Amino acid sequence: MTTEAARNSHPIYFIGAFATGGLLTFMVHFNGELAHYGNPLFSSWTAHGTGIFAAVILLLLVHRRRRPTVGKAPNAPWWAYFGGISGAATVILTSTAVNSPLGLAGQVAFSVAADSWGLFGLPKRRPDMRDIVALGLVVTGGALIILFGRGGA
């Protein structure tokens, strides 16, 4: 998909992306709270245990509805099986660095690098004014949370 095609996509994709980003924010917050009351490893085990439980329920529901098809499914590449490792590392590291200046800076820097270098199959592109404004809003919001969001508790 080209950058222009992505910008002219159906609005449901933007709503889905926005909702997913919101859920990701909640996940990081909840994992950070779990790490606060336990440790990052406990937070990771809890998040992945919940995910396994939900996946088993979903698979049981889908398995009953779907009929097996004749033929062999294509094999996944060997590196696709490392997704679980990166997911576990993400939970542990975000639980450790939640709302820290280092965590925010890392997210912003990595997103710019992914766009600039075309990582993960993304088209290479330079940040435009819209991206710069969005980055500025994210950094400003993060700074406000870090500086003033701790409260007296």
N, C-alpha and C. Protein backbone atom coordinates (compact mmCIF):
# COMPACT_ATOMS: atom_id res chain seq x y z
N MET A 1 0.85 -1.16 0.00
CA MET A 1 0.00 0.00 0.00
C MET A 1 0.90 1.23 0.00
N THR A 2 0.61 2.16 -0.85
CA THR A 2 1.40 3.38 -0.91
C THR A 2 0.96 4.35 0.17
N THR A 3 1.79 5.35 0.43
CA THR A 3 1.45 6.35 1.44
C THR A 3 0.20 7.10 1.04
N GLU A 4 0.06 7.42 -0.23
CA GLU A 4 -1.14 8.15 -0.69
C GLU A 4 -2.39 7.29 -0.54
N ALA A 5 -2.27 6.00 -0.87
CA ALA A 5 -3.43 5.11 -0.71
C ALA A 5 -3.80 4.98 0.76
N ALA A 6 -2.81 4.95 1.65
CA ALA A 6 -3.09 4.85 3.08
C ALA A 6 -3.82 6.09 3.59
N ARG A 7 -3.49 7.25 3.07
CA ARG A 7 -4.13 8.48 3.53
C ARG A 7 -5.55 8.63 3.00
N ASN A 8 -5.89 7.93 1.93
CA ASN A 8 -7.23 8.01 1.36
C ASN A 8 -8.06 6.77 1.66
N SER A 9 -7.70 6.02 2.69
CA SER A 9 -8.42 4.80 3.03
C SER A 9 -9.77 5.10 3.63
N HIS A 10 -10.54 4.05 3.77
CA HIS A 10 -11.87 4.15 4.35
C HIS A 10 -11.76 4.60 5.82
N PRO A 11 -12.67 5.43 6.31
CA PRO A 11 -12.60 5.94 7.69
C PRO A 11 -12.61 4.84 8.76
N ILE A 12 -13.18 3.69 8.46
CA ILE A 12 -13.23 2.62 9.46
C ILE A 12 -11.82 2.17 9.85
N TYR A 13 -10.87 2.27 8.91
CA TYR A 13 -9.49 1.89 9.22
C TYR A 13 -8.87 2.88 10.20
N PHE A 14 -9.17 4.15 10.03
CA PHE A 14 -8.65 5.16 10.96
C PHE A 14 -9.29 4.99 12.33
N ILE A 15 -10.57 4.69 12.38
CA ILE A 15 -11.25 4.47 13.66
C ILE A 15 -10.65 3.24 14.35
N GLY A 16 -10.42 2.18 13.58
CA GLY A 16 -9.81 0.98 14.15
C GLY A 16 -8.40 1.24 14.67
N ALA A 17 -7.62 2.00 13.91
CA ALA A 17 -6.26 2.33 14.35
C ALA A 17 -6.29 3.18 15.61
N PHE A 18 -7.20 4.14 15.67
CA PHE A 18 -7.32 5.00 16.85
C PHE A 18 -7.74 4.17 18.07
N ALA A 19 -8.72 3.28 17.88
CA ALA A 19 -9.19 2.44 18.99
C ALA A 19 -8.08 1.50 19.47
N THR A 20 -7.35 0.94 18.53
CA THR A 20 -6.25 0.04 18.90
C THR A 20 -5.17 0.79 19.66
N GLY A 21 -4.85 2.01 19.24
CA GLY A 21 -3.88 2.82 19.97
C GLY A 21 -4.35 3.13 21.38
N GLY A 22 -5.64 3.39 21.52
CA GLY A 22 -6.19 3.63 22.86
C GLY A 22 -6.09 2.39 23.73
N LEU A 23 -6.41 1.23 23.16
CA LEU A 23 -6.29 -0.01 23.92
C LEU A 23 -4.84 -0.30 24.30
N LEU A 24 -3.92 0.02 23.40
CA LEU A 24 -2.50 -0.17 23.70
C LEU A 24 -2.08 0.72 24.87
N THR A 25 -2.60 1.94 24.91
CA THR A 25 -2.30 2.84 26.02
C THR A 25 -2.81 2.27 27.33
N PHE A 26 -4.03 1.73 27.31
CA PHE A 26 -4.56 1.09 28.52
C PHE A 26 -3.71 -0.11 28.93
N MET A 27 -3.27 -0.90 27.95
CA MET A 27 -2.45 -2.06 28.25
C MET A 27 -1.16 -1.65 28.94
N VAL A 28 -0.50 -0.62 28.42
CA VAL A 28 0.75 -0.16 29.02
C VAL A 28 0.48 0.35 30.44
N HIS A 29 -0.61 1.09 30.61
CA HIS A 29 -0.94 1.61 31.94
C HIS A 29 -1.21 0.46 32.93
N PHE A 30 -2.04 -0.50 32.52
CA PHE A 30 -2.36 -1.62 33.42
C PHE A 30 -1.13 -2.46 33.73
N ASN A 31 -0.29 -2.69 32.72
CA ASN A 31 0.94 -3.45 32.97
C ASN A 31 1.88 -2.69 33.89
N GLY A 32 1.93 -1.36 33.75
CA GLY A 32 2.74 -0.55 34.65
C GLY A 32 2.22 -0.62 36.08
N GLU A 33 0.91 -0.60 36.24
CA GLU A 33 0.33 -0.73 37.59
C GLU A 33 0.63 -2.10 38.18
N LEU A 34 0.50 -3.15 37.37
CA LEU A 34 0.84 -4.49 37.86
C LEU A 34 2.31 -4.57 38.27
N ALA A 35 3.19 -3.96 37.49
CA ALA A 35 4.61 -3.96 37.82
C ALA A 35 4.87 -3.16 39.09
N HIS A 36 4.07 -2.12 39.31
CA HIS A 36 4.23 -1.30 40.53
C HIS A 36 3.92 -2.13 41.78
N TYR A 37 2.89 -2.96 41.70
CA TYR A 37 2.49 -3.77 42.85
C TYR A 37 3.21 -5.11 42.92
N GLY A 38 3.87 -5.48 41.86
CA GLY A 38 4.64 -6.71 41.84
C GLY A 38 6.01 -6.40 41.27
N ASN A 39 6.25 -6.87 40.04
CA ASN A 39 7.47 -6.53 39.31
C ASN A 39 7.17 -6.72 37.82
N PRO A 40 8.06 -6.26 36.94
CA PRO A 40 7.79 -6.37 35.50
C PRO A 40 7.57 -7.80 35.01
N LEU A 41 8.24 -8.75 35.62
CA LEU A 41 8.06 -10.14 35.21
C LEU A 41 6.66 -10.64 35.57
N PHE A 42 6.18 -10.28 36.76
CA PHE A 42 4.82 -10.63 37.16
C PHE A 42 3.81 -10.00 36.20
N SER A 43 4.06 -8.75 35.83
CA SER A 43 3.18 -8.06 34.90
C SER A 43 3.13 -8.79 33.56
N SER A 44 4.28 -9.23 33.09
CA SER A 44 4.34 -9.94 31.81
C SER A 44 3.61 -11.28 31.89
N TRP A 45 3.85 -12.03 32.95
CA TRP A 45 3.17 -13.32 33.10
C TRP A 45 1.66 -13.13 33.17
N THR A 46 1.21 -12.11 33.88
CA THR A 46 -0.23 -11.87 34.00
C THR A 46 -0.83 -11.49 32.65
N ALA A 47 -0.18 -10.59 31.93
CA ALA A 47 -0.68 -10.17 30.62
C ALA A 47 -0.73 -11.34 29.65
N HIS A 48 0.33 -12.12 29.60
CA HIS A 48 0.36 -13.24 28.66
C HIS A 48 -0.55 -14.38 29.10
N GLY A 49 -0.71 -14.58 30.40
CA GLY A 49 -1.65 -15.59 30.89
C GLY A 49 -3.07 -15.24 30.52
N THR A 50 -3.42 -13.97 30.66
CA THR A 50 -4.74 -13.50 30.26
C THR A 50 -4.93 -13.67 28.75
N GLY A 51 -3.90 -13.36 27.99
CA GLY A 51 -3.97 -13.51 26.54
C GLY A 51 -4.14 -14.96 26.12
N ILE A 52 -3.44 -15.86 26.79
CA ILE A 52 -3.58 -17.29 26.47
C ILE A 52 -5.00 -17.75 26.78
N PHE A 53 -5.51 -17.35 27.92
CA PHE A 53 -6.88 -17.73 28.32
C PHE A 53 -7.89 -17.24 27.28
N ALA A 54 -7.76 -15.97 26.87
CA ALA A 54 -8.68 -15.40 25.87
C ALA A 54 -8.52 -16.11 24.52
N ALA A 55 -7.28 -16.43 24.14
CA ALA A 55 -7.04 -17.10 22.86
C ALA A 55 -7.63 -18.50 22.84
N VAL A 56 -7.52 -19.23 23.96
CA VAL A 56 -8.09 -20.58 24.01
C VAL A 56 -9.60 -20.51 23.86
N ILE A 57 -10.24 -19.57 24.55
CA ILE A 57 -11.70 -19.41 24.42
C ILE A 57 -12.07 -19.07 22.98
N LEU A 58 -11.35 -18.13 22.37
CA LEU A 58 -11.62 -17.75 20.98
C LEU A 58 -11.42 -18.93 20.03
N LEU A 59 -10.35 -19.68 20.22
CA LEU A 59 -10.11 -20.84 19.36
C LEU A 59 -11.19 -21.90 19.51
N LEU A 60 -11.67 -22.11 20.73
CA LEU A 60 -12.75 -23.07 20.93
C LEU A 60 -14.02 -22.62 20.22
N LEU A 61 -14.30 -21.32 20.27
CA LEU A 61 -15.49 -20.81 19.58
C LEU A 61 -15.36 -20.89 18.06
N VAL A 62 -14.20 -20.53 17.54
CA VAL A 62 -13.97 -20.54 16.10
C VAL A 62 -13.89 -21.97 15.58
N HIS A 63 -13.28 -22.86 16.34
CA HIS A 63 -13.11 -24.25 15.91
C HIS A 63 -14.46 -24.93 15.68
N ARG A 64 -15.43 -24.61 16.47
CA ARG A 64 -16.74 -25.23 16.32
C ARG A 64 -17.47 -24.73 15.08
N ARG A 65 -17.19 -23.53 14.65
CA ARG A 65 -17.88 -22.94 13.49
C ARG A 65 -17.23 -23.29 12.17
N ARG A 66 -15.93 -23.44 12.16
CA ARG A 66 -15.19 -23.60 10.91
C ARG A 66 -15.01 -25.07 10.57
N ARG A 67 -15.20 -25.39 9.32
CA ARG A 67 -14.96 -26.74 8.83
C ARG A 67 -13.55 -26.79 8.26
N PRO A 68 -12.84 -27.88 8.49
CA PRO A 68 -11.49 -27.97 7.94
C PRO A 68 -11.52 -27.98 6.41
N THR A 69 -10.53 -27.34 5.82
CA THR A 69 -10.44 -27.32 4.36
C THR A 69 -9.41 -28.35 3.92
N VAL A 70 -9.62 -28.84 2.72
CA VAL A 70 -8.70 -29.81 2.17
C VAL A 70 -7.53 -29.04 1.57
N GLY A 71 -6.34 -29.50 1.84
CA GLY A 71 -5.15 -28.83 1.31
C GLY A 71 -4.25 -28.42 2.46
N LYS A 72 -3.04 -28.10 2.12
CA LYS A 72 -2.04 -27.76 3.14
C LYS A 72 -1.89 -26.25 3.22
N ALA A 73 -1.89 -25.74 4.43
CA ALA A 73 -1.66 -24.32 4.64
C ALA A 73 -0.18 -24.01 4.40
N PRO A 74 0.12 -22.81 3.92
CA PRO A 74 1.53 -22.47 3.70
C PRO A 74 2.28 -22.40 5.03
N ASN A 75 3.55 -22.77 4.99
CA ASN A 75 4.39 -22.72 6.19
C ASN A 75 4.79 -21.28 6.49
N ALA A 76 4.78 -20.94 7.77
CA ALA A 76 5.24 -19.62 8.20
C ALA A 76 6.76 -19.59 8.15
N PRO A 77 7.35 -18.42 7.87
CA PRO A 77 8.82 -18.35 7.91
C PRO A 77 9.32 -18.57 9.34
N TRP A 78 10.55 -19.03 9.49
CA TRP A 78 11.09 -19.38 10.80
C TRP A 78 11.07 -18.21 11.78
N TRP A 79 11.28 -16.99 11.27
CA TRP A 79 11.36 -15.83 12.16
C TRP A 79 9.99 -15.41 12.69
N ALA A 80 8.92 -15.90 12.11
CA ALA A 80 7.57 -15.53 12.56
C ALA A 80 7.28 -16.07 13.96
N TYR A 81 7.98 -17.11 14.36
CA TYR A 81 7.75 -17.70 15.67
C TYR A 81 8.39 -16.90 16.81
N PHE A 82 9.16 -15.88 16.49
CA PHE A 82 9.76 -15.05 17.52
C PHE A 82 8.84 -13.92 17.99
N GLY A 83 7.64 -13.85 17.45
CA GLY A 83 6.69 -12.81 17.85
C GLY A 83 6.36 -12.85 19.32
N GLY A 84 6.24 -14.03 19.88
CA GLY A 84 5.94 -14.16 21.31
C GLY A 84 7.06 -13.62 22.18
N ILE A 85 8.29 -13.83 21.74
CA ILE A 85 9.43 -13.33 22.51
C ILE A 85 9.43 -11.80 22.51
N SER A 86 9.20 -11.20 21.34
CA SER A 86 9.19 -9.74 21.29
C SER A 86 7.99 -9.18 22.06
N GLY A 87 6.87 -9.89 22.05
CA GLY A 87 5.71 -9.45 22.82
C GLY A 87 5.99 -9.47 24.32
N ALA A 88 6.62 -10.54 24.78
CA ALA A 88 6.96 -10.62 26.21
C ALA A 88 7.97 -9.55 26.59
N ALA A 89 8.97 -9.34 25.75
CA ALA A 89 9.96 -8.28 26.04
C ALA A 89 9.30 -6.91 26.05
N THR A 90 8.34 -6.69 25.14
CA THR A 90 7.64 -5.40 25.11
C THR A 90 6.89 -5.16 26.40
N VAL A 91 6.18 -6.17 26.89
CA VAL A 91 5.43 -6.01 28.14
C VAL A 91 6.38 -5.73 29.30
N ILE A 92 7.47 -6.48 29.39
CA ILE A 92 8.41 -6.28 30.51
C ILE A 92 9.03 -4.89 30.44
N LEU A 93 9.47 -4.48 29.25
CA LEU A 93 10.14 -3.18 29.13
C LEU A 93 9.18 -2.02 29.30
N THR A 94 7.96 -2.12 28.78
CA THR A 94 7.01 -1.01 28.97
C THR A 94 6.55 -0.94 30.41
N SER A 95 6.48 -2.09 31.10
CA SER A 95 6.12 -2.07 32.51
C SER A 95 7.20 -1.41 33.34
N THR A 96 8.44 -1.53 32.89
CA THR A 96 9.56 -0.91 33.60
C THR A 96 9.64 0.58 33.31
N ALA A 97 9.41 0.97 32.06
CA ALA A 97 9.63 2.36 31.63
C ALA A 97 8.35 3.16 31.43
N VAL A 98 7.22 2.69 31.99
CA VAL A 98 5.94 3.34 31.74
C VAL A 98 5.99 4.81 32.15
N ASN A 99 5.58 5.67 31.22
CA ASN A 99 5.53 7.12 31.41
C ASN A 99 6.86 7.73 31.86
N SER A 100 7.94 7.13 31.46
CA SER A 100 9.23 7.73 31.78
C SER A 100 9.71 8.52 30.56
N PRO A 101 10.53 9.53 30.78
CA PRO A 101 11.04 10.28 29.63
C PRO A 101 11.81 9.40 28.64
N LEU A 102 12.52 8.41 29.14
CA LEU A 102 13.29 7.53 28.28
C LEU A 102 12.36 6.67 27.42
N GLY A 103 11.28 6.15 28.00
CA GLY A 103 10.33 5.34 27.24
C GLY A 103 9.65 6.15 26.15
N LEU A 104 9.24 7.37 26.47
CA LEU A 104 8.60 8.23 25.48
C LEU A 104 9.57 8.59 24.35
N ALA A 105 10.78 8.94 24.71
CA ALA A 105 11.78 9.30 23.70
C ALA A 105 12.07 8.10 22.79
N GLY A 106 12.13 6.91 23.35
CA GLY A 106 12.38 5.71 22.56
C GLY A 106 11.26 5.43 21.58
N GLN A 107 10.02 5.60 22.00
CA GLN A 107 8.88 5.37 21.11
C GLN A 107 8.89 6.35 19.96
N VAL A 108 9.12 7.62 20.27
CA VAL A 108 9.12 8.66 19.23
C VAL A 108 10.27 8.43 18.25
N ALA A 109 11.46 8.15 18.78
CA ALA A 109 12.62 7.94 17.91
C ALA A 109 12.44 6.71 17.03
N PHE A 110 11.89 5.64 17.58
CA PHE A 110 11.70 4.44 16.79
C PHE A 110 10.65 4.63 15.70
N SER A 111 9.59 5.36 16.00
CA SER A 111 8.57 5.58 14.96
C SER A 111 9.11 6.41 13.81
N VAL A 112 9.94 7.40 14.11
CA VAL A 112 10.56 8.20 13.05
C VAL A 112 11.53 7.35 12.24
N ALA A 113 12.30 6.51 12.93
CA ALA A 113 13.24 5.63 12.23
C ALA A 113 12.52 4.63 11.33
N ALA A 114 11.41 4.07 11.83
CA ALA A 114 10.66 3.09 11.03
C ALA A 114 10.14 3.71 9.75
N ASP A 115 9.67 4.95 9.82
CA ASP A 115 9.20 5.64 8.61
C ASP A 115 10.37 6.02 7.71
N SER A 116 11.42 6.56 8.28
CA SER A 116 12.54 7.06 7.48
C SER A 116 13.30 5.94 6.77
N TRP A 117 13.47 4.80 7.44
CA TRP A 117 14.26 3.71 6.87
C TRP A 117 13.40 2.62 6.24
N GLY A 118 12.09 2.74 6.34
CA GLY A 118 11.21 1.73 5.75
C GLY A 118 11.28 0.40 6.45
N LEU A 119 11.37 0.41 7.78
CA LEU A 119 11.45 -0.83 8.53
C LEU A 119 10.14 -1.62 8.43
N PHE A 120 10.22 -2.93 8.58
CA PHE A 120 9.07 -3.84 8.58
C PHE A 120 8.25 -3.77 7.30
N GLY A 121 8.90 -3.46 6.20
CA GLY A 121 8.21 -3.42 4.92
C GLY A 121 7.42 -2.14 4.66
N LEU A 122 7.54 -1.16 5.56
CA LEU A 122 6.86 0.11 5.33
C LEU A 122 7.54 0.86 4.20
N PRO A 123 6.79 1.67 3.47
CA PRO A 123 7.45 2.48 2.44
C PRO A 123 8.32 3.54 3.10
N LYS A 124 9.50 3.77 2.53
CA LYS A 124 10.38 4.82 3.05
C LYS A 124 9.76 6.17 2.78
N ARG A 125 9.75 7.02 3.79
CA ARG A 125 9.24 8.37 3.59
C ARG A 125 9.80 9.29 4.66
N ARG A 126 9.97 10.53 4.25
CA ARG A 126 10.44 11.54 5.19
C ARG A 126 9.24 12.10 5.95
N PRO A 127 9.44 12.45 7.22
CA PRO A 127 8.33 13.06 7.97
C PRO A 127 7.93 14.39 7.33
N ASP A 128 6.62 14.61 7.16
CA ASP A 128 6.14 15.89 6.63
C ASP A 128 5.63 16.75 7.79
N MET A 129 5.06 17.91 7.48
CA MET A 129 4.62 18.83 8.52
C MET A 129 3.55 18.21 9.42
N ARG A 130 2.67 17.44 8.84
CA ARG A 130 1.63 16.77 9.62
C ARG A 130 2.24 15.82 10.64
N ASP A 131 3.28 15.09 10.24
CA ASP A 131 3.96 14.18 11.16
C ASP A 131 4.68 14.95 12.26
N ILE A 132 5.30 16.06 11.91
CA ILE A 132 6.02 16.87 12.90
C ILE A 132 5.04 17.42 13.94
N VAL A 133 3.88 17.90 13.49
CA VAL A 133 2.87 18.41 14.42
C VAL A 133 2.38 17.29 15.33
N ALA A 134 2.11 16.12 14.76
CA ALA A 134 1.66 14.98 15.57
C ALA A 134 2.72 14.59 16.60
N LEU A 135 3.98 14.55 16.18
CA LEU A 135 5.07 14.25 17.11
C LEU A 135 5.14 15.29 18.23
N GLY A 136 4.99 16.55 17.85
CA GLY A 136 5.00 17.61 18.85
C GLY A 136 3.89 17.45 19.88
N LEU A 137 2.70 17.08 19.42
CA LEU A 137 1.58 16.86 20.34
C LEU A 137 1.83 15.67 21.26
N VAL A 138 2.38 14.59 20.71
CA VAL A 138 2.68 13.42 21.54
C VAL A 138 3.73 13.75 22.59
N VAL A 139 4.79 14.42 22.19
CA VAL A 139 5.85 14.78 23.14
C VAL A 139 5.33 15.75 24.19
N THR A 140 4.53 16.73 23.76
CA THR A 140 3.97 17.69 24.72
C THR A 140 3.04 16.99 25.71
N GLY A 141 2.17 16.12 25.21
CA GLY A 141 1.28 15.38 26.10
C GLY A 141 2.05 14.50 27.07
N GLY A 142 3.07 13.81 26.56
CA GLY A 142 3.90 12.98 27.43
C GLY A 142 4.62 13.80 28.48
N ALA A 143 5.13 14.96 28.07
CA ALA A 143 5.82 15.82 29.03
C ALA A 143 4.86 16.32 30.11
N LEU A 144 3.64 16.66 29.73
CA LEU A 144 2.65 17.11 30.72
C LEU A 144 2.33 15.99 31.71
N ILE A 145 2.18 14.77 31.20
CA ILE A 145 1.91 13.64 32.09
C ILE A 145 3.09 13.41 33.03
N ILE A 146 4.29 13.44 32.49
CA ILE A 146 5.48 13.18 33.30
C ILE A 146 5.68 14.28 34.34
N LEU A 147 5.52 15.52 33.93
CA LEU A 147 5.79 16.63 34.84
C LEU A 147 4.67 16.92 35.83
N PHE A 148 3.42 16.79 35.39
CA PHE A 148 2.30 17.21 36.24
C PHE A 148 1.30 16.10 36.54
N GLY A 149 1.45 14.94 35.97
CA GLY A 149 0.44 13.90 36.11
C GLY A 149 0.62 12.97 37.28
N ARG A 150 1.64 13.13 38.07
CA ARG A 150 1.90 12.20 39.17
C ARG A 150 0.96 12.44 40.35
N GLY A 151 0.52 13.66 40.54
CA GLY A 151 -0.40 13.97 41.64
C GLY A 151 0.29 13.85 42.99
N GLY A 152 -0.49 13.93 44.02
CA GLY A 152 0.07 13.89 45.37
C GLY A 152 0.08 12.49 45.95
N ALA A 153 -0.43 11.51 45.24
CA ALA A 153 -0.54 10.16 45.82
C ALA A 153 0.74 9.40 45.76
